[in-house]
């Protein structure tokens, strides 16, 4: 009996994005990035939001966990409603720089692939 030749898969074998559940938990331990800015009132629980502009994400591809920032639900809804650029200007924050700082101090940091 003849056996079929296995074809070699094309493309990337591993995702280039960093995944670190520990780092996301670390990020959720911080206060919301918009806390006390421009009259913003946080609504409680902090979530880890993945910054998209200027990161390693793409269409249909979530950015790496090294681009996560802490936001409360209200701030996150505002960001999704108005966009990252408007959110950053309104609250006077650099989202990518803040994510990079958190990644540098994270005990769960690992090297990018």
PDB file of N, CA and C in Angstrom:
ATOM      1  N   UNK A   1       0.831  -1.164   0.000  1.00  0.00           N
ATOM      2  CA  UNK A   1       0.000   0.000   0.000  1.00  0.00           C
ATOM      3  C   UNK A   1       0.888   1.244   0.000  1.00  0.00           C
ATOM      4  N   UNK A   2       0.535   2.211  -0.805  1.00  0.00           N
ATOM      5  CA  UNK A   2       1.291   3.463  -0.899  1.00  0.00           C
ATOM      6  C   UNK A   2       0.852   4.424   0.190  1.00  0.00           C
ATOM      7  N   UNK A   3       1.827   5.095   0.749  1.00  0.00           N
ATOM      8  CA  UNK A   3       1.510   6.105   1.762  1.00  0.00           C
ATOM      9  C   UNK A   3       1.687   7.491   1.172  1.00  0.00           C
ATOM     10  N   UNK A   4       0.816   8.368   1.586  1.00  0.00           N
ATOM     11  CA  UNK A   4       0.911   9.748   1.119  1.00  0.00           C
ATOM     12  C   UNK A   4       2.096  10.442   1.769  1.00  0.00           C
ATOM     13  N   UNK A   5       2.705  11.298   1.011  1.00  0.00           N
ATOM     14  CA  UNK A   5       3.782  12.120   1.532  1.00  0.00           C
ATOM     15  C   UNK A   5       3.188  13.231   2.387  1.00  0.00           C
ATOM     16  N   UNK A   6       3.747  13.425   3.568  1.00  0.00           N
ATOM     17  CA  UNK A   6       3.261  14.505   4.411  1.00  0.00           C
ATOM     18  C   UNK A   6       3.756  15.830   3.862  1.00  0.00           C
ATOM     19  N   UNK A   7       2.843  16.780   3.769  1.00  0.00           N
ATOM     20  CA  UNK A   7       3.225  18.099   3.265  1.00  0.00           C
ATOM     21  C   UNK A   7       3.734  18.956   4.415  1.00  0.00           C
ATOM     22  N   UNK A   8       4.661  19.801   4.101  1.00  0.00           N
ATOM     23  CA  UNK A   8       5.212  20.714   5.081  1.00  0.00           C
ATOM     24  C   UNK A   8       4.289  21.932   5.161  1.00  0.00           C
ATOM     25  N   UNK A   9       3.906  22.296   6.384  1.00  0.00           N
ATOM     26  CA  UNK A   9       3.033  23.451   6.557  1.00  0.00           C
ATOM     27  C   UNK A   9       3.819  24.725   6.293  1.00  0.00           C
ATOM     28  N   UNK A  10       3.158  25.649   5.642  1.00  0.00           N
ATOM     29  CA  UNK A  10       3.780  26.930   5.320  1.00  0.00           C
ATOM     30  C   UNK A  10       3.460  27.937   6.417  1.00  0.00           C
ATOM     31  N   UNK A  11       4.243  28.975   6.508  1.00  0.00           N
ATOM     32  CA  UNK A  11       3.966  30.059   7.442  1.00  0.00           C
ATOM     33  C   UNK A  11       4.650  29.882   8.785  1.00  0.00           C
ATOM     34  N   UNK A  12       4.191  30.654   9.732  1.00  0.00           N
ATOM     35  CA  UNK A  12       4.786  30.645  11.063  1.00  0.00           C
ATOM     36  C   UNK A  12       4.325  29.439  11.856  1.00  0.00           C
ATOM     37  N   UNK A  13       5.211  28.829  12.570  1.00  0.00           N
ATOM     38  CA  UNK A  13       4.869  27.684  13.412  1.00  0.00           C
ATOM     39  C   UNK A  13       4.436  28.139  14.795  1.00  0.00           C
ATOM     40  N   UNK A  14       5.012  29.221  15.284  1.00  0.00           N
ATOM     41  CA  UNK A  14       4.660  29.746  16.588  1.00  0.00           C
ATOM     42  C   UNK A  14       4.243  31.204  16.449  1.00  0.00           C
ATOM     43  N   UNK A  15       3.353  31.600  17.305  1.00  0.00           N
ATOM     44  CA  UNK A  15       2.899  32.988  17.300  1.00  0.00           C
ATOM     45  C   UNK A  15       4.043  33.889  17.746  1.00  0.00           C
ATOM     46  N   UNK A  16       4.253  35.001  17.064  1.00  0.00           N
ATOM     47  CA  UNK A  16       5.317  35.920  17.488  1.00  0.00           C
ATOM     48  C   UNK A  16       4.918  36.737  18.720  1.00  0.00           C
ATOM     49  N   UNK A  17       3.648  36.692  19.112  1.00  0.00           N
ATOM     50  CA  UNK A  17       3.186  37.446  20.260  1.00  0.00           C
ATOM     51  C   UNK A  17       3.511  36.711  21.557  1.00  0.00           C
ATOM     52  N   UNK A  18       3.901  37.488  22.557  1.00  0.00           N
ATOM     53  CA  UNK A  18       4.195  36.942  23.880  1.00  0.00           C
ATOM     54  C   UNK A  18       2.873  36.663  24.586  1.00  0.00           C
ATOM     55  N   UNK A  19       2.749  35.495  25.197  1.00  0.00           N
ATOM     56  CA  UNK A  19       1.570  35.155  26.000  1.00  0.00           C
ATOM     57  C   UNK A  19       2.051  34.856  27.417  1.00  0.00           C
ATOM     58  N   UNK A  20       1.492  35.563  28.390  1.00  0.00           N
ATOM     59  CA  UNK A  20       1.904  35.400  29.775  1.00  0.00           C
ATOM     60  C   UNK A  20       0.720  35.679  30.708  1.00  0.00           C
ATOM     61  N   UNK A  21      -0.029  34.636  31.078  1.00  0.00           N
ATOM     62  CA  UNK A  21      -1.154  34.832  31.999  1.00  0.00           C
ATOM     63  C   UNK A  21      -0.719  35.479  33.320  1.00  0.00           C
ATOM     64  N   UNK A  22       0.476  35.174  33.781  1.00  0.00           N
ATOM     65  CA  UNK A  22       0.989  35.769  35.014  1.00  0.00           C
ATOM     66  C   UNK A  22       1.160  37.275  34.881  1.00  0.00           C
ATOM     67  N   UNK A  23       1.640  37.715  33.715  1.00  0.00           N
ATOM     68  CA  UNK A  23       1.808  39.151  33.500  1.00  0.00           C
ATOM     69  C   UNK A  23       0.451  39.848  33.459  1.00  0.00           C
ATOM     70  N   UNK A  24      -0.545  39.234  32.851  1.00  0.00           N
ATOM     71  CA  UNK A  24      -1.880  39.838  32.799  1.00  0.00           C
ATOM     72  C   UNK A  24      -2.447  40.000  34.208  1.00  0.00           C
ATOM     73  N   UNK A  25      -2.215  39.008  35.059  1.00  0.00           N
ATOM     74  CA  UNK A  25      -2.655  39.099  36.455  1.00  0.00           C
ATOM     75  C   UNK A  25      -1.905  40.236  37.161  1.00  0.00           C
ATOM     76  N   UNK A  26      -0.615  40.359  36.879  1.00  0.00           N
ATOM     77  CA  UNK A  26       0.212  41.434  37.431  1.00  0.00           C
ATOM     78  C   UNK A  26      -0.354  42.797  37.014  1.00  0.00           C
ATOM     79  N   UNK A  27      -0.716  42.957  35.741  1.00  0.00           N
ATOM     80  CA  UNK A  27      -1.266  44.213  35.219  1.00  0.00           C
ATOM     81  C   UNK A  27      -2.595  44.539  35.894  1.00  0.00           C
ATOM     82  N   UNK A  28      -3.444  43.528  36.101  1.00  0.00           N
ATOM     83  CA  UNK A  28      -4.739  43.749  36.751  1.00  0.00           C
ATOM     84  C   UNK A  28      -4.596  44.181  38.209  1.00  0.00           C
ATOM     85  N   UNK A  29      -3.420  44.025  38.785  1.00  0.00           N
ATOM     86  CA  UNK A  29      -3.161  44.437  40.153  1.00  0.00           C
ATOM     87  C   UNK A  29      -2.902  45.927  40.304  1.00  0.00           C
ATOM     88  N   UNK A  30      -2.780  46.657  39.204  1.00  0.00           N
ATOM     89  CA  UNK A  30      -2.537  48.097  39.239  1.00  0.00           C
ATOM     90  C   UNK A  30      -3.858  48.850  39.152  1.00  0.00           C
ATOM     91  N   UNK A  31      -3.814  50.102  39.576  1.00  0.00           N
ATOM     92  CA  UNK A  31      -4.983  50.965  39.475  1.00  0.00           C
ATOM     93  C   UNK A  31      -5.168  51.349  38.003  1.00  0.00           C
ATOM     94  N   UNK A  32      -6.382  51.675  37.642  1.00  0.00           N
ATOM     95  CA  UNK A  32      -6.724  52.068  36.266  1.00  0.00           C
ATOM     96  C   UNK A  32      -5.821  53.211  35.798  1.00  0.00           C
ATOM     97  N   UNK A  33      -5.379  53.145  34.570  1.00  0.00           N
ATOM     98  CA  UNK A  33      -4.494  54.142  33.974  1.00  0.00           C
ATOM     99  C   UNK A  33      -5.154  55.527  33.932  1.00  0.00           C
ATOM    100  N   UNK A  34      -6.481  55.583  33.857  1.00  0.00           N
ATOM    101  CA  UNK A  34      -7.199  56.859  33.778  1.00  0.00           C
ATOM    102  C   UNK A  34      -7.619  57.380  35.146  1.00  0.00           C
ATOM    103  N   UNK A  35      -7.301  56.672  36.213  1.00  0.00           N
ATOM    104  CA  UNK A  35      -7.722  57.057  37.560  1.00  0.00           C
ATOM    105  C   UNK A  35      -7.249  58.464  37.904  1.00  0.00           C
ATOM    106  N   UNK A  36      -8.206  59.316  38.311  1.00  0.00           N
ATOM    107  CA  UNK A  36      -7.882  60.673  38.730  1.00  0.00           C
ATOM    108  C   UNK A  36      -7.552  61.632  37.608  1.00  0.00           C
ATOM    109  N   UNK A  37      -7.744  61.250  36.368  1.00  0.00           N
ATOM    110  CA  UNK A  37      -7.418  62.112  35.231  1.00  0.00           C
ATOM    111  C   UNK A  37      -8.696  62.611  34.557  1.00  0.00           C
ATOM    112  N   UNK A  38      -8.704  63.861  34.176  1.00  0.00           N
ATOM    113  CA  UNK A  38      -9.789  64.469  33.382  1.00  0.00           C
ATOM    114  C   UNK A  38     -11.177  64.152  33.926  1.00  0.00           C
ATOM    115  N   UNK A  39     -11.300  64.133  35.249  1.00  0.00           N
ATOM    116  CA  UNK A  39     -12.601  63.889  35.861  1.00  0.00           C
ATOM    117  C   UNK A  39     -13.104  62.464  35.746  1.00  0.00           C
ATOM    118  N   UNK A  40     -12.239  61.533  35.403  1.00  0.00           N
ATOM    119  CA  UNK A  40     -12.651  60.127  35.251  1.00  0.00           C
ATOM    120  C   UNK A  40     -12.878  59.492  36.618  1.00  0.00           C
ATOM    121  N   UNK A  41     -13.969  58.768  36.748  1.00  0.00           N
ATOM    122  CA  UNK A  41     -14.245  58.016  37.971  1.00  0.00           C
ATOM    123  C   UNK A  41     -14.264  56.536  37.627  1.00  0.00           C
ATOM    124  N   UNK A  42     -13.370  55.803  38.229  1.00  0.00           N
ATOM    125  CA  UNK A  42     -13.283  54.369  37.953  1.00  0.00           C
ATOM    126  C   UNK A  42     -14.482  53.642  38.531  1.00  0.00           C
ATOM    127  N   UNK A  43     -14.871  52.567  37.859  1.00  0.00           N
ATOM    128  CA  UNK A  43     -16.043  51.813  38.299  1.00  0.00           C
ATOM    129  C   UNK A  43     -15.691  50.499  38.980  1.00  0.00           C
ATOM    130  N   UNK A  44     -14.477  50.397  39.480  1.00  0.00           N
ATOM    131  CA  UNK A  44     -14.138  49.203  40.247  1.00  0.00           C
ATOM    132  C   UNK A  44     -13.053  48.354  39.645  1.00  0.00           C
ATOM    133  N   UNK A  45     -13.384  47.122  39.359  1.00  0.00           N
ATOM    134  CA  UNK A  45     -12.432  46.094  38.936  1.00  0.00           C
ATOM    135  C   UNK A  45     -11.565  46.527  37.737  1.00  0.00           C
ATOM    136  N   UNK A  46     -10.263  46.306  37.884  1.00  0.00           N
ATOM    137  CA  UNK A  46      -9.321  46.632  36.814  1.00  0.00           C
ATOM    138  C   UNK A  46      -9.145  45.436  35.886  1.00  0.00           C
ATOM    139  N   UNK A  47      -9.113  45.720  34.585  1.00  0.00           N
ATOM    140  CA  UNK A  47      -8.934  44.691  33.560  1.00  0.00           C
ATOM    141  C   UNK A  47      -7.628  44.960  32.817  1.00  0.00           C
ATOM    142  N   UNK A  48      -7.100  43.935  32.178  1.00  0.00           N
ATOM    143  CA  UNK A  48      -5.902  44.097  31.348  1.00  0.00           C
ATOM    144  C   UNK A  48      -6.357  44.319  29.905  1.00  0.00           C
ATOM    145  N   UNK A  49      -6.049  45.493  29.372  1.00  0.00           N
ATOM    146  CA  UNK A  49      -6.413  45.840  27.996  1.00  0.00           C
ATOM    147  C   UNK A  49      -5.170  45.745  27.117  1.00  0.00           C
ATOM    148  N   UNK A  50      -5.296  45.120  25.953  1.00  0.00           N
ATOM    149  CA  UNK A  50      -4.180  45.020  25.007  1.00  0.00           C
ATOM    150  C   UNK A  50      -4.203  46.229  24.070  1.00  0.00           C
ATOM    151  N   UNK A  51      -3.143  47.029  24.118  1.00  0.00           N
ATOM    152  CA  UNK A  51      -3.015  48.199  23.249  1.00  0.00           C
ATOM    153  C   UNK A  51      -2.797  47.702  21.825  1.00  0.00           C
ATOM    154  N   UNK A  52      -3.479  48.296  20.871  1.00  0.00           N
ATOM    155  CA  UNK A  52      -3.369  47.847  19.479  1.00  0.00           C
ATOM    156  C   UNK A  52      -2.487  48.760  18.619  1.00  0.00           C
ATOM    157  N   UNK A  53      -2.637  50.085  18.748  1.00  0.00           N
ATOM    158  CA  UNK A  53      -1.867  51.016  17.910  1.00  0.00           C
ATOM    159  C   UNK A  53      -0.380  50.947  18.229  1.00  0.00           C
ATOM    160  N   UNK A  54       0.429  50.712  17.199  1.00  0.00           N
ATOM    161  CA  UNK A  54       1.879  50.698  17.382  1.00  0.00           C
ATOM    162  C   UNK A  54       2.411  49.451  18.061  1.00  0.00           C
ATOM    163  N   UNK A  55       1.683  48.334  17.959  1.00  0.00           N
ATOM    164  CA  UNK A  55       2.116  47.100  18.610  1.00  0.00           C
ATOM    165  C   UNK A  55       2.240  45.972  17.595  1.00  0.00           C
ATOM    166  N   UNK A  56       2.420  44.747  18.103  1.00  0.00           N
ATOM    167  CA  UNK A  56       2.610  43.595  17.219  1.00  0.00           C
ATOM    168  C   UNK A  56       1.297  42.904  16.831  1.00  0.00           C
ATOM    169  N   UNK A  57       0.168  43.530  17.116  1.00  0.00           N
ATOM    170  CA  UNK A  57      -1.128  42.969  16.721  1.00  0.00           C
ATOM    171  C   UNK A  57      -1.412  43.292  15.264  1.00  0.00           C
ATOM    172  N   UNK A  58      -2.500  42.778  14.782  1.00  0.00           N
ATOM    173  CA  UNK A  58      -2.893  43.047  13.406  1.00  0.00           C
ATOM    174  C   UNK A  58      -4.375  42.758  13.241  1.00  0.00           C
ATOM    175  N   UNK A  59      -4.836  42.783  12.023  1.00  0.00           N
ATOM    176  CA  UNK A  59      -6.230  42.491  11.757  1.00  0.00           C
ATOM    177  C   UNK A  59      -6.532  41.065  12.188  1.00  0.00           C
ATOM    178  N   UNK A  60      -7.414  40.931  13.154  1.00  0.00           N
ATOM    179  CA  UNK A  60      -7.779  39.610  13.667  1.00  0.00           C
ATOM    180  C   UNK A  60      -6.707  38.952  14.511  1.00  0.00           C
ATOM    181  N   UNK A  61      -5.690  39.706  14.919  1.00  0.00           N
ATOM    182  CA  UNK A  61      -4.587  39.150  15.695  1.00  0.00           C
ATOM    183  C   UNK A  61      -4.362  40.007  16.942  1.00  0.00           C
ATOM    184  N   UNK A  62      -4.632  39.434  18.108  1.00  0.00           N
ATOM    185  CA  UNK A  62      -4.479  40.167  19.367  1.00  0.00           C
ATOM    186  C   UNK A  62      -2.996  40.427  19.635  1.00  0.00           C
ATOM    187  N   UNK A  63      -2.672  41.649  20.082  1.00  0.00           N
ATOM    188  CA  UNK A  63      -1.279  41.950  20.427  1.00  0.00           C
ATOM    189  C   UNK A  63      -0.788  41.074  21.573  1.00  0.00           C
ATOM    190  N   UNK A  64       0.513  41.006  21.732  1.00  0.00           N
ATOM    191  CA  UNK A  64       1.107  40.226  22.806  1.00  0.00           C
ATOM    192  C   UNK A  64       0.748  40.775  24.173  1.00  0.00           C
ATOM    193  N   UNK A  65       0.865  39.933  25.186  1.00  0.00           N
ATOM    194  CA  UNK A  65       0.539  40.338  26.551  1.00  0.00           C
ATOM    195  C   UNK A  65       1.500  41.397  27.077  1.00  0.00           C
ATOM    196  N   UNK A  66       2.641  41.559  26.426  1.00  0.00           N
ATOM    197  CA  UNK A  66       3.582  42.602  26.827  1.00  0.00           C
ATOM    198  C   UNK A  66       3.073  44.000  26.469  1.00  0.00           C
ATOM    199  N   UNK A  67       1.947  44.087  25.765  1.00  0.00           N
ATOM    200  CA  UNK A  67       1.321  45.361  25.424  1.00  0.00           C
ATOM    201  C   UNK A  67       0.030  45.567  26.211  1.00  0.00           C
ATOM    202  N   UNK A  68      -0.054  45.028  27.417  1.00  0.00           N
ATOM    203  CA  UNK A  68      -1.256  45.150  28.251  1.00  0.00           C
ATOM    204  C   UNK A  68      -1.126  46.315  29.227  1.00  0.00           C
ATOM    205  N   UNK A  69      -2.249  47.019  29.431  1.00  0.00           N
ATOM    206  CA  UNK A  69      -2.319  48.118  30.389  1.00  0.00           C
ATOM    207  C   UNK A  69      -3.537  47.917  31.292  1.00  0.00           C
ATOM    208  N   UNK A  70      -3.515  48.480  32.510  1.00  0.00           N
ATOM    209  CA  UNK A  70      -4.663  48.338  33.410  1.00  0.00           C
ATOM    210  C   UNK A  70      -5.718  49.413  33.148  1.00  0.00           C
ATOM    211  N   UNK A  71      -6.958  48.986  32.923  1.00  0.00           N
ATOM    212  CA  UNK A  71      -8.083  49.905  32.748  1.00  0.00           C
ATOM    213  C   UNK A  71      -9.289  49.371  33.502  1.00  0.00           C
ATOM    214  N   UNK A  72     -10.082  50.275  34.081  1.00  0.00           N
ATOM    215  CA  UNK A  72     -11.347  49.851  34.675  1.00  0.00           C
ATOM    216  C   UNK A  72     -12.346  49.667  33.526  1.00  0.00           C
ATOM    217  N   UNK A  73     -13.468  49.079  33.822  1.00  0.00           N
ATOM    218  CA  UNK A  73     -14.476  48.822  32.788  1.00  0.00           C
ATOM    219  C   UNK A  73     -14.931  50.087  32.090  1.00  0.00           C
ATOM    220  N   UNK A  74     -15.124  51.163  32.856  1.00  0.00           N
ATOM    221  CA  UNK A  74     -15.578  52.437  32.278  1.00  0.00           C
ATOM    222  C   UNK A  74     -14.531  53.001  31.312  1.00  0.00           C
ATOM    223  N   UNK A  75     -13.259  52.989  31.719  1.00  0.00           N
ATOM    224  CA  UNK A  75     -12.184  53.495  30.861  1.00  0.00           C
ATOM    225  C   UNK A  75     -12.052  52.636  29.608  1.00  0.00           C
ATOM    226  N   UNK A  76     -12.208  51.351  29.763  1.00  0.00           N
ATOM    227  CA  UNK A  76     -12.101  50.441  28.617  1.00  0.00           C
ATOM    228  C   UNK A  76     -13.225  50.694  27.613  1.00  0.00           C
ATOM    229  N   UNK A  77     -14.446  50.904  28.126  1.00  0.00           N
ATOM    230  CA  UNK A  77     -15.571  51.219  27.232  1.00  0.00           C
ATOM    231  C   UNK A  77     -15.318  52.541  26.508  1.00  0.00           C
ATOM    232  N   UNK A  78     -14.777  53.513  27.228  1.00  0.00           N
ATOM    233  CA  UNK A  78     -14.458  54.805  26.626  1.00  0.00           C
ATOM    234  C   UNK A  78     -13.410  54.643  25.526  1.00  0.00           C
ATOM    235  N   UNK A  79     -12.392  53.853  25.805  1.00  0.00           N
ATOM    236  CA  UNK A  79     -11.338  53.612  24.818  1.00  0.00           C
ATOM    237  C   UNK A  79     -11.913  52.953  23.560  1.00  0.00           C
ATOM    238  N   UNK A  80     -12.767  51.954  23.750  1.00  0.00           N
ATOM    239  CA  UNK A  80     -13.346  51.263  22.596  1.00  0.00           C
ATOM    240  C   UNK A  80     -14.335  52.156  21.833  1.00  0.00           C
ATOM    241  N   UNK A  81     -15.012  53.045  22.529  1.00  0.00           N
ATOM    242  CA  UNK A  81     -15.975  53.939  21.878  1.00  0.00           C
ATOM    243  C   UNK A  81     -15.295  55.026  21.057  1.00  0.00           C
ATOM    244  N   UNK A  82     -14.213  55.595  21.604  1.00  0.00           N
ATOM    245  CA  UNK A  82     -13.579  56.753  20.972  1.00  0.00           C
ATOM    246  C   UNK A  82     -12.263  56.445  20.262  1.00  0.00           C
ATOM    247  N   UNK A  83     -11.688  55.287  20.508  1.00  0.00           N
ATOM    248  CA  UNK A  83     -10.417  54.928  19.887  1.00  0.00           C
ATOM    249  C   UNK A  83      -9.238  55.217  20.791  1.00  0.00           C
ATOM    250  N   UNK A  84      -8.141  54.508  20.552  1.00  0.00           N
ATOM    251  CA  UNK A  84      -6.958  54.636  21.402  1.00  0.00           C
ATOM    252  C   UNK A  84      -6.321  56.017  21.328  1.00  0.00           C
ATOM    253  N   UNK A  85      -6.267  56.596  20.138  1.00  0.00           N
ATOM    254  CA  UNK A  85      -5.621  57.900  19.979  1.00  0.00           C
ATOM    255  C   UNK A  85      -6.370  58.972  20.763  1.00  0.00           C
ATOM    256  N   UNK A  86      -7.692  59.023  20.623  1.00  0.00           N
ATOM    257  CA  UNK A  86      -8.509  59.998  21.347  1.00  0.00           C
ATOM    258  C   UNK A  86      -8.415  59.774  22.851  1.00  0.00           C
ATOM    259  N   UNK A  87      -8.455  58.519  23.270  1.00  0.00           N
ATOM    260  CA  UNK A  87      -8.342  58.182  24.694  1.00  0.00           C
ATOM    261  C   UNK A  87      -7.010  58.683  25.253  1.00  0.00           C
ATOM    262  N   UNK A  88      -5.922  58.413  24.539  1.00  0.00           N
ATOM    263  CA  UNK A  88      -4.585  58.823  24.991  1.00  0.00           C
ATOM    264  C   UNK A  88      -4.474  60.342  25.094  1.00  0.00           C
ATOM    265  N   UNK A  89      -5.033  61.050  24.132  1.00  0.00           N
ATOM    266  CA  UNK A  89      -4.998  62.514  24.166  1.00  0.00           C
ATOM    267  C   UNK A  89      -5.858  63.063  25.301  1.00  0.00           C
ATOM    268  N   UNK A  90      -7.038  62.489  25.480  1.00  0.00           N
ATOM    269  CA  UNK A  90      -7.949  62.955  26.534  1.00  0.00           C
ATOM    270  C   UNK A  90      -7.326  62.816  27.924  1.00  0.00           C
ATOM    271  N   UNK A  91      -6.678  61.691  28.176  1.00  0.00           N
ATOM    272  CA  UNK A  91      -6.125  61.433  29.508  1.00  0.00           C
ATOM    273  C   UNK A  91      -4.632  61.739  29.610  1.00  0.00           C
ATOM    274  N   UNK A  92      -4.021  62.169  28.524  1.00  0.00           N
ATOM    275  CA  UNK A  92      -2.614  62.558  28.549  1.00  0.00           C
ATOM    276  C   UNK A  92      -1.671  61.413  28.877  1.00  0.00           C
ATOM    277  N   UNK A  93      -1.913  60.249  28.261  1.00  0.00           N
ATOM    278  CA  UNK A  93      -1.068  59.082  28.521  1.00  0.00           C
ATOM    279  C   UNK A  93      -0.520  58.514  27.213  1.00  0.00           C
ATOM    280  N   UNK A  94       0.647  57.916  27.303  1.00  0.00           N
ATOM    281  CA  UNK A  94       1.232  57.186  26.176  1.00  0.00           C
ATOM    282  C   UNK A  94       1.013  55.708  26.467  1.00  0.00           C
ATOM    283  N   UNK A  95       0.040  55.105  25.790  1.00  0.00           N
ATOM    284  CA  UNK A  95      -0.371  53.734  26.091  1.00  0.00           C
ATOM    285  C   UNK A  95       0.753  52.728  25.877  1.00  0.00           C
ATOM    286  N   UNK A  96       1.468  52.846  24.773  1.00  0.00           N
ATOM    287  CA  UNK A  96       2.545  51.892  24.471  1.00  0.00           C
ATOM    288  C   UNK A  96       3.681  52.038  25.479  1.00  0.00           C
ATOM    289  N   UNK A  97       4.028  53.263  25.831  1.00  0.00           N
ATOM    290  CA  UNK A  97       5.108  53.491  26.810  1.00  0.00           C
ATOM    291  C   UNK A  97       4.719  52.926  28.176  1.00  0.00           C
ATOM    292  N   UNK A  98       3.459  53.101  28.557  1.00  0.00           N
ATOM    293  CA  UNK A  98       3.008  52.578  29.848  1.00  0.00           C
ATOM    294  C   UNK A  98       3.056  51.049  29.852  1.00  0.00           C
ATOM    295  N   UNK A  99       2.621  50.436  28.748  1.00  0.00           N
ATOM    296  CA  UNK A  99       2.669  48.971  28.639  1.00  0.00           C
ATOM    297  C   UNK A  99       4.117  48.480  28.706  1.00  0.00           C
ATOM    298  N   UNK A 100       5.018  49.191  28.046  1.00  0.00           N
ATOM    299  CA  UNK A 100       6.440  48.811  28.046  1.00  0.00           C
ATOM    300  C   UNK A 100       7.031  48.903  29.455  1.00  0.00           C
ATOM    301  N   UNK A 101       6.646  49.940  30.202  1.00  0.00           N
ATOM    302  CA  UNK A 101       7.142  50.098  31.573  1.00  0.00           C
ATOM    303  C   UNK A 101       6.659  48.948  32.462  1.00  0.00           C
ATOM    304  N   UNK A 102       5.388  48.589  32.325  1.00  0.00           N
ATOM    305  CA  UNK A 102       4.864  47.470  33.108  1.00  0.00           C
ATOM    306  C   UNK A 102       5.573  46.165  32.749  1.00  0.00           C
ATOM    307  N   UNK A 103       5.861  45.976  31.468  1.00  0.00           N
ATOM    308  CA  UNK A 103       6.549  44.759  31.027  1.00  0.00           C
ATOM    309  C   UNK A 103       7.959  44.704  31.604  1.00  0.00           C
ATOM    310  N   UNK A 104       8.631  45.861  31.656  1.00  0.00           N
ATOM    311  CA  UNK A 104       9.996  45.904  32.196  1.00  0.00           C
ATOM    312  C   UNK A 104      10.043  45.513  33.667  1.00  0.00           C
ATOM    313  N   UNK A 105       9.024  45.896  34.449  1.00  0.00           N
ATOM    314  CA  UNK A 105       9.047  45.617  35.886  1.00  0.00           C
ATOM    315  C   UNK A 105       8.314  44.337  36.265  1.00  0.00           C
ATOM    316  N   UNK A 106       7.725  43.676  35.309  1.00  0.00           N
ATOM    317  CA  UNK A 106       6.931  42.466  35.593  1.00  0.00           C
ATOM    318  C   UNK A 106       7.805  41.293  36.045  1.00  0.00           C
ATOM    319  N   UNK A 107       7.398  40.624  37.101  1.00  0.00           N
ATOM    320  CA  UNK A 107       8.131  39.424  37.519  1.00  0.00           C
ATOM    321  C   UNK A 107       7.877  38.247  36.578  1.00  0.00           C
ATOM    322  N   UNK A 108       6.915  38.409  35.685  1.00  0.00           N
ATOM    323  CA  UNK A 108       6.550  37.324  34.753  1.00  0.00           C
ATOM    324  C   UNK A 108       7.108  37.590  33.346  1.00  0.00           C
ATOM    325  N   UNK A 109       7.972  38.558  33.254  1.00  0.00           N
ATOM    326  CA  UNK A 109       8.548  38.934  31.956  1.00  0.00           C
ATOM    327  C   UNK A 109       9.342  37.772  31.383  1.00  0.00           C
ATOM    328  N   UNK A 110       9.210  37.601  30.095  1.00  0.00           N
ATOM    329  CA  UNK A 110      10.042  36.626  29.394  1.00  0.00           C
ATOM    330  C   UNK A 110      10.477  37.231  28.083  1.00  0.00           C
ATOM    331  N   UNK A 111      11.530  36.720  27.519  1.00  0.00           N
ATOM    332  CA  UNK A 111      12.060  37.267  26.279  1.00  0.00           C
ATOM    333  C   UNK A 111      11.085  37.052  25.139  1.00  0.00           C
ATOM    334  N   UNK A 112      11.050  38.018  24.249  1.00  0.00           N
ATOM    335  CA  UNK A 112      10.220  37.891  23.040  1.00  0.00           C
ATOM    336  C   UNK A 112      10.812  36.791  22.177  1.00  0.00           C
ATOM    337  N   UNK A 113       9.953  36.012  21.500  1.00  0.00           N
ATOM    338  CA  UNK A 113      10.460  34.941  20.630  1.00  0.00           C
ATOM    339  C   UNK A 113      11.283  35.472  19.485  1.00  0.00           C
TER     340      UNK A 113
END
